[in-house]
Amino acid sequence: MTEYVILLPGNESTWENASEEHRQAMYAKHADFAKLLEERGHKISGGNELQSSKTAKTVRMSGDAVQITEGPYAESVEQVTGYYVVDTDDFDDLLQVCGVLAGAEGAVEVRGTVTYT
């Protein structure tokens, strides 16, 4: 099986201002996604919703000194808000299943991981 990471970008202020009804509908979409993955033979091996990018710290090196700044690496309206790690032998079908989230989120990004032996 090959491991893929599904990145969930989104506008954090939209989520912060969402009604409880809207939030529950989004959580239901994620439950549908997880169920469909299982039904089609894909395996979720990890993932989570991320805290707001307001809590992020960016770490850089400046010569020999560690520099820590507030906020995400990239300043953008959209930030990565969560991710799934999925193991599968059928990448094309995984992309089709991701349509469940793309319809709800607007878009998702899917990337394979690098395995070192």
PDB file of N, CA and C in Angstrom:
ATOM      1  N   MET A   1       0.841  -1.182   0.000  1.00  0.00           N
ATOM      2  CA  MET A   1       0.000   0.000   0.000  1.00  0.00           C
ATOM      3  C   MET A   1       0.886   1.244   0.000  1.00  0.00           C
ATOM      4  N   THR A   2       0.396   2.278  -0.618  1.00  0.00           N
ATOM      5  CA  THR A   2       1.090   3.561  -0.647  1.00  0.00           C
ATOM      6  C   THR A   2       0.371   4.527   0.285  1.00  0.00           C
ATOM      7  N   GLU A   3       1.144   5.381   0.947  1.00  0.00           N
ATOM      8  CA  GLU A   3       0.582   6.343   1.885  1.00  0.00           C
ATOM      9  C   GLU A   3       0.416   7.700   1.203  1.00  0.00           C
ATOM     10  N   TYR A   4      -0.745   8.303   1.409  1.00  0.00           N
ATOM     11  CA  TYR A   4      -1.045   9.620   0.868  1.00  0.00           C
ATOM     12  C   TYR A   4      -1.518  10.536   1.994  1.00  0.00           C
ATOM     13  N   VAL A   5      -1.206  11.812   1.874  1.00  0.00           N
ATOM     14  CA  VAL A   5      -1.703  12.817   2.800  1.00  0.00           C
ATOM     15  C   VAL A   5      -2.709  13.680   2.042  1.00  0.00           C
ATOM     16  N   ILE A   6      -3.865  13.843   2.635  1.00  0.00           N
ATOM     17  CA  ILE A   6      -4.907  14.690   2.066  1.00  0.00           C
ATOM     18  C   ILE A   6      -4.932  15.962   2.899  1.00  0.00           C
ATOM     19  N   LEU A   7      -4.548  17.073   2.284  1.00  0.00           N
ATOM     20  CA  LEU A   7      -4.480  18.356   2.971  1.00  0.00           C
ATOM     21  C   LEU A   7      -5.789  19.107   2.757  1.00  0.00           C
ATOM     22  N   LEU A   8      -6.302  19.679   3.825  1.00  0.00           N
ATOM     23  CA  LEU A   8      -7.588  20.366   3.788  1.00  0.00           C
ATOM     24  C   LEU A   8      -7.380  21.863   3.983  1.00  0.00           C
ATOM     25  N   PRO A   9      -7.295  22.614   2.884  1.00  0.00           N
ATOM     26  CA  PRO A   9      -7.148  24.061   3.022  1.00  0.00           C
ATOM     27  C   PRO A   9      -8.508  24.716   3.264  1.00  0.00           C
ATOM     28  N   GLY A  10      -8.483  25.841   3.931  1.00  0.00           N
ATOM     29  CA  GLY A  10      -9.740  26.545   4.151  1.00  0.00           C
ATOM     30  C   GLY A  10      -9.512  27.933   4.712  1.00  0.00           C
ATOM     31  N   ASN A  11     -10.552  28.714   4.667  1.00  0.00           N
ATOM     32  CA  ASN A  11     -10.534  30.055   5.239  1.00  0.00           C
ATOM     33  C   ASN A  11     -10.944  29.931   6.705  1.00  0.00           C
ATOM     34  N   GLU A  12     -10.003  30.149   7.597  1.00  0.00           N
ATOM     35  CA  GLU A  12     -10.266  29.946   9.020  1.00  0.00           C
ATOM     36  C   GLU A  12     -11.347  30.873   9.565  1.00  0.00           C
ATOM     37  N   SER A  13     -11.438  32.084   9.061  1.00  0.00           N
ATOM     38  CA  SER A  13     -12.460  33.005   9.581  1.00  0.00           C
ATOM     39  C   SER A  13     -13.860  32.509   9.216  1.00  0.00           C
ATOM     40  N   THR A  14     -14.006  31.854   8.077  1.00  0.00           N
ATOM     41  CA  THR A  14     -15.307  31.286   7.703  1.00  0.00           C
ATOM     42  C   THR A  14     -15.715  30.234   8.726  1.00  0.00           C
ATOM     43  N   TRP A  15     -14.772  29.377   9.109  1.00  0.00           N
ATOM     44  CA  TRP A  15     -15.056  28.327  10.089  1.00  0.00           C
ATOM     45  C   TRP A  15     -15.323  28.932  11.467  1.00  0.00           C
ATOM     46  N   GLU A  16     -14.525  29.911  11.855  1.00  0.00           N
ATOM     47  CA  GLU A  16     -14.708  30.548  13.166  1.00  0.00           C
ATOM     48  C   GLU A  16     -16.079  31.199  13.290  1.00  0.00           C
ATOM     49  N   ASN A  17     -16.612  31.701  12.187  1.00  0.00           N
ATOM     50  CA  ASN A  17     -17.906  32.389  12.192  1.00  0.00           C
ATOM     51  C   ASN A  17     -19.081  31.499  11.790  1.00  0.00           C
ATOM     52  N   ALA A  18     -18.802  30.222  11.554  1.00  0.00           N
ATOM     53  CA  ALA A  18     -19.848  29.299  11.094  1.00  0.00           C
ATOM     54  C   ALA A  18     -20.839  29.001  12.214  1.00  0.00           C
ATOM     55  N   SER A  19     -22.082  28.805  11.833  1.00  0.00           N
ATOM     56  CA  SER A  19     -23.112  28.412  12.804  1.00  0.00           C
ATOM     57  C   SER A  19     -22.852  26.969  13.237  1.00  0.00           C
ATOM     58  N   GLU A  20     -23.424  26.599  14.355  1.00  0.00           N
ATOM     59  CA  GLU A  20     -23.292  25.225  14.844  1.00  0.00           C
ATOM     60  C   GLU A  20     -23.896  24.248  13.831  1.00  0.00           C
ATOM     61  N   GLU A  21     -24.974  24.657  13.192  1.00  0.00           N
ATOM     62  CA  GLU A  21     -25.618  23.824  12.163  1.00  0.00           C
ATOM     63  C   GLU A  21     -24.652  23.560  11.000  1.00  0.00           C
ATOM     64  N   HIS A  22     -23.973  24.608  10.547  1.00  0.00           N
ATOM     65  CA  HIS A  22     -23.007  24.457   9.451  1.00  0.00           C
ATOM     66  C   HIS A  22     -21.844  23.555   9.876  1.00  0.00           C
ATOM     67  N   ARG A  23     -21.358  23.734  11.084  1.00  0.00           N
ATOM     68  CA  ARG A  23     -20.256  22.902  11.581  1.00  0.00           C
ATOM     69  C   ARG A  23     -20.662  21.432  11.618  1.00  0.00           C
ATOM     70  N   GLN A  24     -21.859  21.155  12.117  1.00  0.00           N
ATOM     71  CA  GLN A  24     -22.330  19.776  12.194  1.00  0.00           C
ATOM     72  C   GLN A  24     -22.477  19.166  10.796  1.00  0.00           C
ATOM     73  N   ALA A  25     -22.918  19.964   9.840  1.00  0.00           N
ATOM     74  CA  ALA A  25     -23.025  19.481   8.456  1.00  0.00           C
ATOM     75  C   ALA A  25     -21.644  19.134   7.895  1.00  0.00           C
ATOM     76  N   MET A  26     -20.639  19.936   8.221  1.00  0.00           N
ATOM     77  CA  MET A  26     -19.276  19.656   7.753  1.00  0.00           C
ATOM     78  C   MET A  26     -18.727  18.398   8.415  1.00  0.00           C
ATOM     79  N   TYR A  27     -18.954  18.244   9.706  1.00  0.00           N
ATOM     80  CA  TYR A  27     -18.501  17.031  10.397  1.00  0.00           C
ATOM     81  C   TYR A  27     -19.181  15.794   9.811  1.00  0.00           C
ATOM     82  N   ALA A  28     -20.438  15.934   9.414  1.00  0.00           N
ATOM     83  CA  ALA A  28     -21.157  14.817   8.787  1.00  0.00           C
ATOM     84  C   ALA A  28     -20.511  14.452   7.450  1.00  0.00           C
ATOM     85  N   LYS A  29     -20.075  15.466   6.679  1.00  0.00           N
ATOM     86  CA  LYS A  29     -19.380  15.201   5.409  1.00  0.00           C
ATOM     87  C   LYS A  29     -18.103  14.401   5.662  1.00  0.00           C
ATOM     88  N   HIS A  30     -17.385  14.764   6.723  1.00  0.00           N
ATOM     89  CA  HIS A  30     -16.155  14.038   7.050  1.00  0.00           C
ATOM     90  C   HIS A  30     -16.462  12.610   7.479  1.00  0.00           C
ATOM     91  N   ALA A  31     -17.547  12.397   8.192  1.00  0.00           N
ATOM     92  CA  ALA A  31     -17.959  11.047   8.567  1.00  0.00           C
ATOM     93  C   ALA A  31     -18.317  10.233   7.319  1.00  0.00           C
ATOM     94  N   ASP A  32     -19.014  10.865   6.374  1.00  0.00           N
ATOM     95  CA  ASP A  32     -19.342  10.196   5.102  1.00  0.00           C
ATOM     96  C   ASP A  32     -18.070   9.821   4.351  1.00  0.00           C
ATOM     97  N   PHE A  33     -17.110  10.728   4.331  1.00  0.00           N
ATOM     98  CA  PHE A  33     -15.835  10.497   3.670  1.00  0.00           C
ATOM     99  C   PHE A  33     -15.127   9.288   4.290  1.00  0.00           C
ATOM    100  N   ALA A  34     -15.033   9.253   5.608  1.00  0.00           N
ATOM    101  CA  ALA A  34     -14.362   8.151   6.293  1.00  0.00           C
ATOM    102  C   ALA A  34     -15.058   6.821   6.020  1.00  0.00           C
ATOM    103  N   LYS A  35     -16.387   6.827   6.027  1.00  0.00           N
ATOM    104  CA  LYS A  35     -17.153   5.612   5.758  1.00  0.00           C
ATOM    105  C   LYS A  35     -16.921   5.124   4.327  1.00  0.00           C
ATOM    106  N   LEU A  36     -16.931   6.040   3.385  1.00  0.00           N
ATOM    107  CA  LEU A  36     -16.721   5.685   1.986  1.00  0.00           C
ATOM    108  C   LEU A  36     -15.314   5.141   1.754  1.00  0.00           C
ATOM    109  N   LEU A  37     -14.325   5.742   2.405  1.00  0.00           N
ATOM    110  CA  LEU A  37     -12.961   5.217   2.297  1.00  0.00           C
ATOM    111  C   LEU A  37     -12.912   3.761   2.746  1.00  0.00           C
ATOM    112  N   GLU A  38     -13.496   3.485   3.899  1.00  0.00           N
ATOM    113  CA  GLU A  38     -13.487   2.118   4.433  1.00  0.00           C
ATOM    114  C   GLU A  38     -14.206   1.157   3.496  1.00  0.00           C
ATOM    115  N   GLU A  39     -15.376   1.557   3.004  1.00  0.00           N
ATOM    116  CA  GLU A  39     -16.166   0.704   2.109  1.00  0.00           C
ATOM    117  C   GLU A  39     -15.398   0.358   0.834  1.00  0.00           C
ATOM    118  N   ARG A  40     -14.519   1.267   0.384  1.00  0.00           N
ATOM    119  CA  ARG A  40     -13.813   1.067  -0.882  1.00  0.00           C
ATOM    120  C   ARG A  40     -12.392   0.550  -0.695  1.00  0.00           C
ATOM    121  N   GLY A  41     -12.059   0.152   0.528  1.00  0.00           N
ATOM    122  CA  GLY A  41     -10.785  -0.524   0.763  1.00  0.00           C
ATOM    123  C   GLY A  41      -9.606   0.373   1.091  1.00  0.00           C
ATOM    124  N   HIS A  42      -9.846   1.634   1.330  1.00  0.00           N
ATOM    125  CA  HIS A  42      -8.778   2.547   1.737  1.00  0.00           C
ATOM    126  C   HIS A  42      -8.713   2.547   3.268  1.00  0.00           C
ATOM    127  N   LYS A  43      -7.537   2.829   3.815  1.00  0.00           N
ATOM    128  CA  LYS A  43      -7.380   2.793   5.270  1.00  0.00           C
ATOM    129  C   LYS A  43      -6.854   4.126   5.782  1.00  0.00           C
ATOM    130  N   ILE A  44      -7.623   4.772   6.663  1.00  0.00           N
ATOM    131  CA  ILE A  44      -7.141   5.990   7.322  1.00  0.00           C
ATOM    132  C   ILE A  44      -6.182   5.562   8.413  1.00  0.00           C
ATOM    133  N   SER A  45      -4.944   6.040   8.328  1.00  0.00           N
ATOM    134  CA  SER A  45      -3.950   5.676   9.341  1.00  0.00           C
ATOM    135  C   SER A  45      -3.565   6.869  10.216  1.00  0.00           C
ATOM    136  N   GLY A  46      -4.147   8.034   9.949  1.00  0.00           N
ATOM    137  CA  GLY A  46      -3.862   9.201  10.774  1.00  0.00           C
ATOM    138  C   GLY A  46      -4.618  10.411  10.269  1.00  0.00           C
ATOM    139  N   GLY A  47      -4.471  11.501  10.984  1.00  0.00           N
ATOM    140  CA  GLY A  47      -5.086  12.750  10.574  1.00  0.00           C
ATOM    141  C   GLY A  47      -5.700  13.469  11.752  1.00  0.00           C
ATOM    142  N   ASN A  48      -6.009  14.739  11.527  1.00  0.00           N
ATOM    143  CA  ASN A  48      -6.611  15.535  12.577  1.00  0.00           C
ATOM    144  C   ASN A  48      -6.991  16.906  12.052  1.00  0.00           C
ATOM    145  N   GLU A  49      -7.885  17.566  12.780  1.00  0.00           N
ATOM    146  CA  GLU A  49      -8.149  18.978  12.550  1.00  0.00           C
ATOM    147  C   GLU A  49      -7.009  19.735  13.229  1.00  0.00           C
ATOM    148  N   LEU A  50      -6.536  20.804  12.613  1.00  0.00           N
ATOM    149  CA  LEU A  50      -5.444  21.584  13.180  1.00  0.00           C
ATOM    150  C   LEU A  50      -5.976  22.790  13.944  1.00  0.00           C
ATOM    151  N   GLN A  51      -5.244  23.198  14.956  1.00  0.00           N
ATOM    152  CA  GLN A  51      -5.578  24.427  15.651  1.00  0.00           C
ATOM    153  C   GLN A  51      -5.413  25.587  14.672  1.00  0.00           C
ATOM    154  N   SER A  52      -5.989  26.714  15.001  1.00  0.00           N
ATOM    155  CA  SER A  52      -5.911  27.908  14.167  1.00  0.00           C
ATOM    156  C   SER A  52      -4.456  28.266  13.862  1.00  0.00           C
ATOM    157  N   SER A  53      -4.244  28.801  12.673  1.00  0.00           N
ATOM    158  CA  SER A  53      -2.890  29.231  12.303  1.00  0.00           C
ATOM    159  C   SER A  53      -2.413  30.368  13.201  1.00  0.00           C
ATOM    160  N   LYS A  54      -3.340  31.003  13.936  1.00  0.00           N
ATOM    161  CA  LYS A  54      -2.951  32.044  14.898  1.00  0.00           C
ATOM    162  C   LYS A  54      -2.053  31.474  15.991  1.00  0.00           C
ATOM    163  N   THR A  55      -2.135  30.159  16.216  1.00  0.00           N
ATOM    164  CA  THR A  55      -1.316  29.523  17.248  1.00  0.00           C
ATOM    165  C   THR A  55       0.022  29.030  16.698  1.00  0.00           C
ATOM    166  N   ALA A  56       0.222  29.159  15.399  1.00  0.00           N
ATOM    167  CA  ALA A  56       1.430  28.634  14.756  1.00  0.00           C
ATOM    168  C   ALA A  56       2.662  29.452  15.119  1.00  0.00           C
ATOM    169  N   LYS A  57       3.771  28.782  15.120  1.00  0.00           N
ATOM    170  CA  LYS A  57       5.087  29.414  15.261  1.00  0.00           C
ATOM    171  C   LYS A  57       5.909  28.956  14.060  1.00  0.00           C
ATOM    172  N   THR A  58       6.704  29.866  13.520  1.00  0.00           N
ATOM    173  CA  THR A  58       7.607  29.519  12.424  1.00  0.00           C
ATOM    174  C   THR A  58       9.021  29.593  12.963  1.00  0.00           C
ATOM    175  N   VAL A  59       9.787  28.539  12.718  1.00  0.00           N
ATOM    176  CA  VAL A  59      11.159  28.438  13.218  1.00  0.00           C
ATOM    177  C   VAL A  59      12.113  28.504  12.033  1.00  0.00           C
ATOM    178  N   ARG A  60      13.078  29.402  12.128  1.00  0.00           N
ATOM    179  CA  ARG A  60      14.109  29.560  11.098  1.00  0.00           C
ATOM    180  C   ARG A  60      15.465  29.623  11.791  1.00  0.00           C
ATOM    181  N   MET A  61      16.495  29.391  11.022  1.00  0.00           N
ATOM    182  CA  MET A  61      17.856  29.575  11.520  1.00  0.00           C
ATOM    183  C   MET A  61      18.404  30.872  10.948  1.00  0.00           C
ATOM    184  N   SER A  62      19.065  31.646  11.801  1.00  0.00           N
ATOM    185  CA  SER A  62      19.757  32.855  11.392  1.00  0.00           C
ATOM    186  C   SER A  62      21.192  32.705  11.886  1.00  0.00           C
ATOM    187  N   GLY A  63      22.062  32.266  10.980  1.00  0.00           N
ATOM    188  CA  GLY A  63      23.422  31.907  11.405  1.00  0.00           C
ATOM    189  C   GLY A  63      23.340  30.695  12.307  1.00  0.00           C
ATOM    190  N   ASP A  64      23.805  30.841  13.547  1.00  0.00           N
ATOM    191  CA  ASP A  64      23.733  29.753  14.520  1.00  0.00           C
ATOM    192  C   ASP A  64      22.558  29.896  15.483  1.00  0.00           C
ATOM    193  N   ALA A  65      21.754  30.951  15.311  1.00  0.00           N
ATOM    194  CA  ALA A  65      20.663  31.225  16.240  1.00  0.00           C
ATOM    195  C   ALA A  65      19.323  30.750  15.673  1.00  0.00           C
ATOM    196  N   VAL A  66      18.510  30.201  16.561  1.00  0.00           N
ATOM    197  CA  VAL A  66      17.147  29.824  16.207  1.00  0.00           C
ATOM    198  C   VAL A  66      16.271  31.063  16.320  1.00  0.00           C
ATOM    199  N   GLN A  67      15.523  31.345  15.257  1.00  0.00           N
ATOM    200  CA  GLN A  67      14.613  32.487  15.225  1.00  0.00           C
ATOM    201  C   GLN A  67      13.188  31.953  15.212  1.00  0.00           C
ATOM    202  N   ILE A  68      12.379  32.412  16.143  1.00  0.00           N
ATOM    203  CA  ILE A  68      10.987  31.961  16.234  1.00  0.00           C
ATOM    204  C   ILE A  68      10.095  33.175  16.036  1.00  0.00           C
ATOM    205  N   THR A  69       9.159  33.054  15.079  1.00  0.00           N
ATOM    206  CA  THR A  69       8.221  34.138  14.828  1.00  0.00           C
ATOM    207  C   THR A  69       6.798  33.630  15.010  1.00  0.00           C
ATOM    208  N   GLU A  70       5.898  34.561  15.287  1.00  0.00           N
ATOM    209  CA  GLU A  70       4.479  34.238  15.449  1.00  0.00           C
ATOM    210  C   GLU A  70       3.844  34.016  14.083  1.00  0.00           C
ATOM    211  N   GLY A  71       2.915  33.081  14.033  1.00  0.00           N
ATOM    212  CA  GLY A  71       2.109  32.900  12.837  1.00  0.00           C
ATOM    213  C   GLY A  71       2.607  31.819  11.901  1.00  0.00           C
ATOM    214  N   PRO A  72       1.818  31.544  10.888  1.00  0.00           N
ATOM    215  CA  PRO A  72       2.138  30.468   9.941  1.00  0.00           C
ATOM    216  C   PRO A  72       3.287  30.854   9.013  1.00  0.00           C
ATOM    217  N   TYR A  73       3.842  29.844   8.369  1.00  0.00           N
ATOM    218  CA  TYR A  73       4.940  30.044   7.426  1.00  0.00           C
ATOM    219  C   TYR A  73       4.508  30.946   6.278  1.00  0.00           C
ATOM    220  N   ALA A  74       3.341  30.678   5.729  1.00  0.00           N
ATOM    221  CA  ALA A  74       2.829  31.480   4.605  1.00  0.00           C
ATOM    222  C   ALA A  74       1.646  32.309   5.078  1.00  0.00           C
ATOM    223  N   GLU A  75       1.699  33.602   4.817  1.00  0.00           N
ATOM    224  CA  GLU A  75       0.559  34.459   5.139  1.00  0.00           C
ATOM    225  C   GLU A  75      -0.422  34.395   3.974  1.00  0.00           C
ATOM    226  N   SER A  76      -1.609  33.917   4.277  1.00  0.00           N
ATOM    227  CA  SER A  76      -2.603  33.695   3.241  1.00  0.00           C
ATOM    228  C   SER A  76      -3.981  33.660   3.882  1.00  0.00           C
ATOM    229  N   VAL A  77      -5.010  33.946   3.107  1.00  0.00           N
ATOM    230  CA  VAL A  77      -6.375  33.834   3.605  1.00  0.00           C
ATOM    231  C   VAL A  77      -6.679  32.369   3.900  1.00  0.00           C
ATOM    232  N   GLU A  78      -6.221  31.484   3.030  1.00  0.00           N
ATOM    233  CA  GLU A  78      -6.436  30.053   3.240  1.00  0.00           C
ATOM    234  C   GLU A  78      -5.224  29.438   3.909  1.00  0.00           C
ATOM    235  N   GLN A  79      -5.489  28.579   4.869  1.00  0.00           N
ATOM    236  CA  GLN A  79      -4.449  27.847   5.573  1.00  0.00           C
ATOM    237  C   GLN A  79      -4.833  26.374   5.574  1.00  0.00           C
ATOM    238  N   VAL A  80      -3.867  25.501   5.817  1.00  0.00           N
ATOM    239  CA  VAL A  80      -4.179  24.087   6.002  1.00  0.00           C
ATOM    240  C   VAL A  80      -4.895  23.971   7.342  1.00  0.00           C
ATOM    241  N   THR A  81      -6.120  23.450   7.311  1.00  0.00           N
ATOM    242  CA  THR A  81      -6.940  23.372   8.520  1.00  0.00           C
ATOM    243  C   THR A  81      -7.015  21.968   9.097  1.00  0.00           C
ATOM    244  N   GLY A  82      -6.551  20.993   8.332  1.00  0.00           N
ATOM    245  CA  GLY A  82      -6.570  19.611   8.794  1.00  0.00           C
ATOM    246  C   GLY A  82      -5.982  18.711   7.737  1.00  0.00           C
ATOM    247  N   TYR A  83      -5.899  17.431   8.067  1.00  0.00           N
ATOM    248  CA  TYR A  83      -5.321  16.470   7.131  1.00  0.00           C
ATOM    249  C   TYR A  83      -5.765  15.056   7.478  1.00  0.00           C
ATOM    250  N   TYR A  84      -5.705  14.193   6.499  1.00  0.00           N
ATOM    251  CA  TYR A  84      -5.880  12.756   6.671  1.00  0.00           C
ATOM    252  C   TYR A  84      -4.633  12.081   6.128  1.00  0.00           C
ATOM    253  N   VAL A  85      -4.258  10.966   6.711  1.00  0.00           N
ATOM    254  CA  VAL A  85      -3.226  10.099   6.156  1.00  0.00           C
ATOM    255  C   VAL A  85      -3.954   8.814   5.770  1.00  0.00           C
ATOM    256  N   VAL A  86      -3.855   8.450   4.493  1.00  0.00           N
ATOM    257  CA  VAL A  86      -4.608   7.307   3.974  1.00  0.00           C
ATOM    258  C   VAL A  86      -3.659   6.356   3.256  1.00  0.00           C
ATOM    259  N   ASP A  87      -3.790   5.066   3.565  1.00  0.00           N
ATOM    260  CA  ASP A  87      -3.043   4.019   2.869  1.00  0.00           C
ATOM    261  C   ASP A  87      -3.972   3.379   1.849  1.00  0.00           C
ATOM    262  N   THR A  88      -3.472   3.246   0.615  1.00  0.00           N
ATOM    263  CA  THR A  88      -4.315   2.664  -0.431  1.00  0.00           C
ATOM    264  C   THR A  88      -3.464   2.085  -1.550  1.00  0.00           C
ATOM    265  N   ASP A  89      -4.056   1.150  -2.267  1.00  0.00           N
ATOM    266  CA  ASP A  89      -3.459   0.614  -3.493  1.00  0.00           C
ATOM    267  C   ASP A  89      -4.142   1.188  -4.724  1.00  0.00           C
ATOM    268  N   ASP A  90      -5.168   2.006  -4.530  1.00  0.00           N
ATOM    269  CA  ASP A  90      -5.951   2.526  -5.653  1.00  0.00           C
ATOM    270  C   ASP A  90      -6.026   4.052  -5.591  1.00  0.00           C
ATOM    271  N   PHE A  91      -4.970   4.699  -6.069  1.00  0.00           N
ATOM    272  CA  PHE A  91      -4.864   6.155  -6.022  1.00  0.00           C
ATOM    273  C   PHE A  91      -5.997   6.828  -6.781  1.00  0.00           C
ATOM    274  N   ASP A  92      -6.336   6.307  -7.957  1.00  0.00           N
ATOM    275  CA  ASP A  92      -7.404   6.918  -8.760  1.00  0.00           C
ATOM    276  C   ASP A  92      -8.737   6.904  -8.022  1.00  0.00           C
ATOM    277  N   ASP A  93      -9.041   5.802  -7.349  1.00  0.00           N
ATOM    278  CA  ASP A  93     -10.287   5.744  -6.590  1.00  0.00           C
ATOM    279  C   ASP A  93     -10.223   6.671  -5.383  1.00  0.00           C
ATOM    280  N   LEU A  94      -9.061   6.764  -4.731  1.00  0.00           N
ATOM    281  CA  LEU A  94      -8.898   7.688  -3.612  1.00  0.00           C
ATOM    282  C   LEU A  94      -9.238   9.113  -4.045  1.00  0.00           C
ATOM    283  N   LEU A  95      -8.758   9.507  -5.215  1.00  0.00           N
ATOM    284  CA  LEU A  95      -9.055  10.849  -5.724  1.00  0.00           C
ATOM    285  C   LEU A  95     -10.559  11.041  -5.922  1.00  0.00           C
ATOM    286  N   GLN A  96     -11.238  10.010  -6.391  1.00  0.00           N
ATOM    287  CA  GLN A  96     -12.688  10.101  -6.577  1.00  0.00           C
ATOM    288  C   GLN A  96     -13.401  10.274  -5.236  1.00  0.00           C
ATOM    289  N   VAL A  97     -12.957   9.518  -4.226  1.00  0.00           N
ATOM    290  CA  VAL A  97     -13.569   9.627  -2.902  1.00  0.00           C
ATOM    291  C   VAL A  97     -13.310  11.013  -2.310  1.00  0.00           C
ATOM    292  N   CYS A  98     -12.155  11.588  -2.605  1.00  0.00           N
ATOM    293  CA  CYS A  98     -11.833  12.932  -2.106  1.00  0.00           C
ATOM    294  C   CYS A  98     -12.802  13.974  -2.632  1.00  0.00           C
ATOM    295  N   GLY A  99     -13.520  13.647  -3.683  1.00  0.00           N
ATOM    296  CA  GLY A  99     -14.545  14.550  -4.195  1.00  0.00           C
ATOM    297  C   GLY A  99     -15.608  14.869  -3.149  1.00  0.00           C
ATOM    298  N   VAL A 100     -15.848  13.944  -2.211  1.00  0.00           N
ATOM    299  CA  VAL A 100     -16.803  14.196  -1.128  1.00  0.00           C
ATOM    300  C   VAL A 100     -16.372  15.418  -0.334  1.00  0.00           C
ATOM    301  N   LEU A 101     -15.072  15.513  -0.015  1.00  0.00           N
ATOM    302  CA  LEU A 101     -14.570  16.653   0.742  1.00  0.00           C
ATOM    303  C   LEU A 101     -14.384  17.873  -0.142  1.00  0.00           C
ATOM    304  N   ALA A 102     -13.967  17.669  -1.372  1.00  0.00           N
ATOM    305  CA  ALA A 102     -13.765  18.807  -2.277  1.00  0.00           C
ATOM    306  C   ALA A 102     -15.080  19.550  -2.490  1.00  0.00           C
ATOM    307  N   GLY A 103     -16.170  18.815  -2.546  1.00  0.00           N
ATOM    308  CA  GLY A 103     -17.476  19.453  -2.696  1.00  0.00           C
ATOM    309  C   GLY A 103     -17.846  20.292  -1.488  1.00  0.00           C
ATOM    310  N   ALA A 104     -17.413  19.859  -0.323  1.00  0.00           N
ATOM    311  CA  ALA A 104     -17.730  20.578   0.916  1.00  0.00           C
ATOM    312  C   ALA A 104     -16.703  21.659   1.231  1.00  0.00           C
ATOM    313  N   GLU A 105     -15.450  21.396   0.931  1.00  0.00           N
ATOM    314  CA  GLU A 105     -14.361  22.292   1.299  1.00  0.00           C
ATOM    315  C   GLU A 105     -13.980  23.260   0.179  1.00  0.00           C
ATOM    316  N   GLY A 106     -14.343  22.942  -1.048  1.00  0.00           N
ATOM    317  CA  GLY A 106     -13.941  23.745  -2.198  1.00  0.00           C
ATOM    318  C   GLY A 106     -12.817  23.082  -2.964  1.00  0.00           C
ATOM    319  N   ALA A 107     -11.851  22.511  -2.257  1.00  0.00           N
ATOM    320  CA  ALA A 107     -10.739  21.784  -2.872  1.00  0.00           C
ATOM    321  C   ALA A 107      -9.973  21.074  -1.766  1.00  0.00           C
ATOM    322  N   VAL A 108      -9.323  19.996  -2.120  1.00  0.00           N
ATOM    323  CA  VAL A 108      -8.380  19.340  -1.229  1.00  0.00           C
ATOM    324  C   VAL A 108      -7.129  19.047  -2.043  1.00  0.00           C
ATOM    325  N   GLU A 109      -6.019  18.867  -1.353  1.00  0.00           N
ATOM    326  CA  GLU A 109      -4.758  18.535  -2.020  1.00  0.00           C
ATOM    327  C   GLU A 109      -4.340  17.151  -1.559  1.00  0.00           C
ATOM    328  N   VAL A 110      -3.948  16.298  -2.510  1.00  0.00           N
ATOM    329  CA  VAL A 110      -3.551  14.934  -2.195  1.00  0.00           C
ATOM    330  C   VAL A 110      -2.105  14.749  -2.638  1.00  0.00           C
ATOM    331  N   ARG A 111      -1.266  14.278  -1.714  1.00  0.00           N
ATOM    332  CA  ARG A 111       0.156  14.047  -2.027  1.00  0.00           C
ATOM    333  C   ARG A 111       0.601  12.707  -1.460  1.00  0.00           C
ATOM    334  N   GLY A 112       1.398  12.013  -2.236  1.00  0.00           N
ATOM    335  CA  GLY A 112       2.029  10.801  -1.740  1.00  0.00           C
ATOM    336  C   GLY A 112       3.159  11.157  -0.800  1.00  0.00           C
ATOM    337  N   THR A 113       3.461  10.252   0.119  1.00  0.00           N
ATOM    338  CA  THR A 113       4.580  10.460   1.030  1.00  0.00           C
ATOM    339  C   THR A 113       5.807   9.755   0.458  1.00  0.00           C
ATOM    340  N   VAL A 114       6.969  10.164   0.919  1.00  0.00           N
ATOM    341  CA  VAL A 114       8.225   9.554   0.480  1.00  0.00           C
ATOM    342  C   VAL A 114       8.627   8.513   1.511  1.00  0.00           C
ATOM    343  N   THR A 115       8.911   7.321   1.061  1.00  0.00           N
ATOM    344  CA  THR A 115       9.322   6.244   1.938  1.00  0.00           C
ATOM    345  C   THR A 115      10.818   5.996   1.741  1.00  0.00           C
ATOM    346  N   TYR A 116      11.533   6.038   2.828  1.00  0.00           N
ATOM    347  CA  TYR A 116      12.972   5.758   2.782  1.00  0.00           C
ATOM    348  C   TYR A 116      13.220   4.350   3.275  1.00  0.00           C
ATOM    349  N   THR A 117      14.079   3.652   2.554  1.00  0.00           N
ATOM    350  CA  THR A 117      14.398   2.286   2.968  1.00  0.00           C
ATOM    351  C   THR A 117      15.839   2.163   3.368  1.00  0.00           C
TER     352      THR A 117
END
